[in-house]
Amino acid sequence: MKTKLLKLNKIEITNHFKKHPPNSKKLANKRKHVEDTGYFKESIVVIKSGWWLWSKYTLIDGYTTYLIAKNDYKFDRFEVMVVAA
């Protein structure tokens, strides 16, 4: 598995994640961890499909980290773990 600095808006969020958002307690605990330590405990993991300019990145793990990075910290890019399809 390799890592890549990826624009968060390039990550596709599946309907499963959209329909089952993390509960507020889980989000609060992860936010607190970032505030206390200055780093994210869990990674964002995506699966890559397609080639070069037509590559697609679909989230498979780390939805809570994704939400906090994008919505709370307004990150444009994030170091993600990439799994090849």
N, C-alpha and C. Protein backbone atom coordinates (compact mmCIF):
# COMPACT_ATOMS: atom_id res chain seq x y z
N MET A 1 0.85 -1.17 0.00
CA MET A 1 0.00 0.00 0.00
C MET A 1 0.90 1.23 0.00
N LYS A 2 0.55 2.19 -0.85
CA LYS A 2 1.35 3.41 -0.91
C LYS A 2 0.50 4.59 -0.45
N THR A 3 1.17 5.72 -0.22
CA THR A 3 0.45 6.92 0.18
C THR A 3 0.53 7.95 -0.94
N LYS A 4 -0.43 8.87 -0.91
CA LYS A 4 -0.49 9.91 -1.93
C LYS A 4 -1.16 11.13 -1.33
N LEU A 5 -0.62 12.30 -1.64
CA LEU A 5 -1.25 13.55 -1.24
C LEU A 5 -2.36 13.81 -2.27
N LEU A 6 -3.59 13.73 -1.81
CA LEU A 6 -4.73 13.75 -2.73
C LEU A 6 -5.70 14.86 -2.34
N LYS A 7 -6.24 15.54 -3.35
CA LYS A 7 -7.28 16.53 -3.09
C LYS A 7 -8.51 15.80 -2.55
N LEU A 8 -9.05 16.30 -1.46
CA LEU A 8 -10.19 15.64 -0.84
C LEU A 8 -11.41 15.62 -1.75
N ASN A 9 -11.55 16.62 -2.61
CA ASN A 9 -12.71 16.62 -3.50
C ASN A 9 -12.59 15.58 -4.62
N LYS A 10 -11.45 14.93 -4.73
CA LYS A 10 -11.25 13.86 -5.72
C LYS A 10 -11.69 12.50 -5.17
N ILE A 11 -12.01 12.45 -3.88
CA ILE A 11 -12.40 11.19 -3.25
C ILE A 11 -13.91 11.01 -3.37
N GLU A 12 -14.29 9.89 -3.95
CA GLU A 12 -15.71 9.57 -4.09
C GLU A 12 -16.19 8.89 -2.80
N ILE A 13 -17.29 9.40 -2.27
CA ILE A 13 -17.89 8.82 -1.08
C ILE A 13 -19.08 7.98 -1.52
N THR A 14 -19.07 6.71 -1.17
CA THR A 14 -20.14 5.81 -1.59
C THR A 14 -21.44 6.11 -0.83
N ASN A 15 -22.53 5.66 -1.40
CA ASN A 15 -23.83 5.85 -0.76
C ASN A 15 -23.89 5.20 0.61
N HIS A 16 -23.17 4.11 0.79
CA HIS A 16 -23.17 3.44 2.09
C HIS A 16 -22.67 4.39 3.17
N PHE A 17 -21.56 5.07 2.92
CA PHE A 17 -21.03 6.02 3.91
C PHE A 17 -21.99 7.19 4.09
N LYS A 18 -22.55 7.68 3.00
CA LYS A 18 -23.47 8.82 3.08
C LYS A 18 -24.72 8.47 3.89
N LYS A 19 -25.21 7.25 3.73
CA LYS A 19 -26.43 6.82 4.42
C LYS A 19 -26.18 6.45 5.88
N HIS A 20 -24.92 6.17 6.23
CA HIS A 20 -24.57 5.75 7.59
C HIS A 20 -23.45 6.62 8.14
N PRO A 21 -23.73 7.89 8.40
CA PRO A 21 -22.67 8.78 8.92
C PRO A 21 -22.25 8.35 10.33
N PRO A 22 -21.03 8.69 10.73
CA PRO A 22 -20.57 8.34 12.08
C PRO A 22 -21.41 9.08 13.13
N ASN A 23 -21.56 8.43 14.28
CA ASN A 23 -22.35 9.09 15.33
C ASN A 23 -21.58 10.27 15.92
N SER A 24 -22.32 11.15 16.55
CA SER A 24 -21.72 12.41 17.05
C SER A 24 -20.66 12.16 18.12
N LYS A 25 -20.82 11.10 18.91
CA LYS A 25 -19.83 10.81 19.96
C LYS A 25 -18.49 10.40 19.32
N LYS A 26 -18.56 9.59 18.29
CA LYS A 26 -17.34 9.16 17.60
C LYS A 26 -16.63 10.37 16.98
N LEU A 27 -17.40 11.24 16.33
CA LEU A 27 -16.82 12.45 15.75
C LEU A 27 -16.18 13.32 16.83
N ALA A 28 -16.87 13.50 17.94
CA ALA A 28 -16.35 14.35 19.02
C ALA A 28 -15.05 13.79 19.58
N ASN A 29 -15.00 12.46 19.78
CA ASN A 29 -13.78 11.83 20.30
C ASN A 29 -12.60 12.02 19.35
N LYS A 30 -12.85 11.87 18.07
CA LYS A 30 -11.76 12.02 17.09
C LYS A 30 -11.33 13.48 16.98
N ARG A 31 -12.29 14.40 17.04
CA ARG A 31 -11.94 15.83 17.02
C ARG A 31 -11.05 16.17 18.22
N LYS A 32 -11.43 15.66 19.39
CA LYS A 32 -10.66 15.92 20.60
C LYS A 32 -9.25 15.38 20.47
N HIS A 33 -9.12 14.19 19.91
CA HIS A 33 -7.79 13.60 19.72
C HIS A 33 -6.92 14.51 18.85
N VAL A 34 -7.48 15.02 17.76
CA VAL A 34 -6.73 15.91 16.87
C VAL A 34 -6.35 17.19 17.61
N GLU A 35 -7.29 17.75 18.36
CA GLU A 35 -7.02 18.98 19.12
C GLU A 35 -5.93 18.76 20.18
N ASP A 36 -5.99 17.61 20.85
CA ASP A 36 -5.04 17.32 21.93
C ASP A 36 -3.64 16.96 21.42
N THR A 37 -3.58 16.24 20.30
CA THR A 37 -2.29 15.72 19.84
C THR A 37 -1.74 16.44 18.62
N GLY A 38 -2.62 17.06 17.85
CA GLY A 38 -2.19 17.73 16.63
C GLY A 38 -2.08 16.80 15.43
N TYR A 39 -2.53 15.57 15.56
CA TYR A 39 -2.50 14.67 14.41
C TYR A 39 -3.73 13.78 14.39
N PHE A 40 -3.99 13.22 13.23
CA PHE A 40 -5.11 12.30 13.05
C PHE A 40 -4.68 10.89 13.42
N LYS A 41 -5.50 10.23 14.19
CA LYS A 41 -5.18 8.89 14.66
C LYS A 41 -5.34 7.84 13.54
N GLU A 42 -6.39 7.99 12.74
CA GLU A 42 -6.67 7.05 11.67
C GLU A 42 -6.39 7.67 10.30
N SER A 43 -6.13 6.81 9.36
CA SER A 43 -5.85 7.24 7.99
C SER A 43 -7.13 7.25 7.16
N ILE A 44 -7.04 7.93 6.04
CA ILE A 44 -8.06 7.81 5.00
C ILE A 44 -7.51 6.79 4.02
N VAL A 45 -8.33 5.79 3.70
CA VAL A 45 -7.91 4.72 2.79
C VAL A 45 -8.85 4.74 1.58
N VAL A 46 -8.25 4.78 0.40
CA VAL A 46 -9.03 4.79 -0.84
C VAL A 46 -8.58 3.65 -1.74
N ILE A 47 -9.48 3.26 -2.61
CA ILE A 47 -9.13 2.28 -3.64
C ILE A 47 -9.06 3.04 -4.96
N LYS A 48 -7.99 2.81 -5.69
CA LYS A 48 -7.78 3.50 -6.96
C LYS A 48 -8.20 2.59 -8.10
N SER A 49 -8.96 3.17 -9.01
CA SER A 49 -9.31 2.44 -10.22
C SER A 49 -9.12 3.39 -11.40
N GLY A 50 -8.96 2.85 -12.56
CA GLY A 50 -8.72 3.67 -13.75
C GLY A 50 -7.24 3.96 -13.93
N TRP A 51 -6.96 4.75 -14.93
CA TRP A 51 -5.58 5.05 -15.28
C TRP A 51 -5.33 6.53 -15.40
N TRP A 52 -4.21 6.98 -14.96
CA TRP A 52 -3.63 8.30 -15.11
C TRP A 52 -4.67 9.39 -14.91
N LEU A 53 -5.03 10.14 -15.95
CA LEU A 53 -5.97 11.25 -15.80
C LEU A 53 -7.39 10.78 -15.48
N TRP A 54 -7.67 9.52 -15.75
CA TRP A 54 -9.01 8.99 -15.52
C TRP A 54 -9.10 8.19 -14.23
N SER A 55 -8.11 8.36 -13.38
CA SER A 55 -8.11 7.64 -12.10
C SER A 55 -9.28 8.08 -11.24
N LYS A 56 -9.82 7.13 -10.51
CA LYS A 56 -10.92 7.38 -9.60
C LYS A 56 -10.49 6.84 -8.24
N TYR A 57 -10.77 7.60 -7.19
CA TYR A 57 -10.42 7.20 -5.83
C TYR A 57 -11.70 7.09 -5.01
N THR A 58 -11.97 5.90 -4.51
CA THR A 58 -13.18 5.66 -3.74
C THR A 58 -12.81 5.35 -2.30
N LEU A 59 -13.45 6.03 -1.37
CA LEU A 59 -13.18 5.83 0.06
C LEU A 59 -13.60 4.42 0.48
N ILE A 60 -12.70 3.73 1.19
CA ILE A 60 -13.06 2.43 1.75
C ILE A 60 -12.90 2.40 3.27
N ASP A 61 -12.18 3.37 3.83
CA ASP A 61 -12.03 3.45 5.29
C ASP A 61 -11.57 4.86 5.65
N GLY A 62 -11.94 5.28 6.86
CA GLY A 62 -11.50 6.58 7.34
C GLY A 62 -12.48 7.71 7.07
N TYR A 63 -13.77 7.38 7.00
CA TYR A 63 -14.78 8.40 6.71
C TYR A 63 -14.81 9.50 7.77
N THR A 64 -14.65 9.13 9.02
CA THR A 64 -14.66 10.13 10.08
C THR A 64 -13.47 11.08 9.93
N THR A 65 -12.30 10.54 9.67
CA THR A 65 -11.12 11.37 9.43
C THR A 65 -11.35 12.28 8.24
N TYR A 66 -11.92 11.75 7.18
CA TYR A 66 -12.23 12.54 5.99
C TYR A 66 -13.15 13.71 6.35
N LEU A 67 -14.22 13.44 7.08
CA LEU A 67 -15.18 14.49 7.44
C LEU A 67 -14.53 15.59 8.28
N ILE A 68 -13.73 15.19 9.25
CA ILE A 68 -13.09 16.18 10.13
C ILE A 68 -12.07 17.00 9.35
N ALA A 69 -11.26 16.34 8.51
CA ALA A 69 -10.25 17.06 7.72
C ALA A 69 -10.91 18.04 6.77
N LYS A 70 -11.97 17.62 6.12
CA LYS A 70 -12.62 18.46 5.11
C LYS A 70 -13.50 19.54 5.74
N ASN A 71 -14.32 19.18 6.69
CA ASN A 71 -15.33 20.11 7.21
C ASN A 71 -14.84 20.96 8.38
N ASP A 72 -14.10 20.36 9.31
CA ASP A 72 -13.65 21.10 10.49
C ASP A 72 -12.37 21.90 10.22
N TYR A 73 -11.43 21.28 9.53
CA TYR A 73 -10.13 21.91 9.31
C TYR A 73 -9.99 22.51 7.91
N LYS A 74 -10.99 22.28 7.08
CA LYS A 74 -11.03 22.86 5.72
C LYS A 74 -9.79 22.51 4.89
N PHE A 75 -9.27 21.29 5.11
CA PHE A 75 -8.13 20.85 4.32
C PHE A 75 -8.55 20.68 2.87
N ASP A 76 -7.67 21.06 1.97
CA ASP A 76 -7.88 20.86 0.54
C ASP A 76 -7.30 19.51 0.12
N ARG A 77 -6.17 19.16 0.73
CA ARG A 77 -5.46 17.90 0.42
C ARG A 77 -5.17 17.14 1.71
N PHE A 78 -5.00 15.83 1.54
CA PHE A 78 -4.70 15.00 2.71
C PHE A 78 -3.89 13.81 2.22
N GLU A 79 -2.95 13.37 3.03
CA GLU A 79 -2.15 12.19 2.71
C GLU A 79 -3.03 10.95 2.95
N VAL A 80 -3.32 10.23 1.88
CA VAL A 80 -4.20 9.06 1.97
C VAL A 80 -3.43 7.79 1.65
N MET A 81 -3.93 6.68 2.12
CA MET A 81 -3.36 5.38 1.76
C MET A 81 -4.14 4.88 0.54
N VAL A 82 -3.41 4.44 -0.46
CA VAL A 82 -4.03 4.02 -1.73
C VAL A 82 -3.85 2.52 -1.93
N VAL A 83 -4.97 1.87 -2.19
CA VAL A 83 -5.00 0.45 -2.52
C VAL A 83 -5.33 0.35 -4.00
N ALA A 84 -4.56 -0.41 -4.74
CA ALA A 84 -4.84 -0.58 -6.18
C ALA A 84 -5.98 -1.57 -6.36
N ALA A 85 -6.84 -1.30 -7.31
CA ALA A 85 -7.97 -2.18 -7.59
C ALA A 85 -7.51 -3.41 -8.34
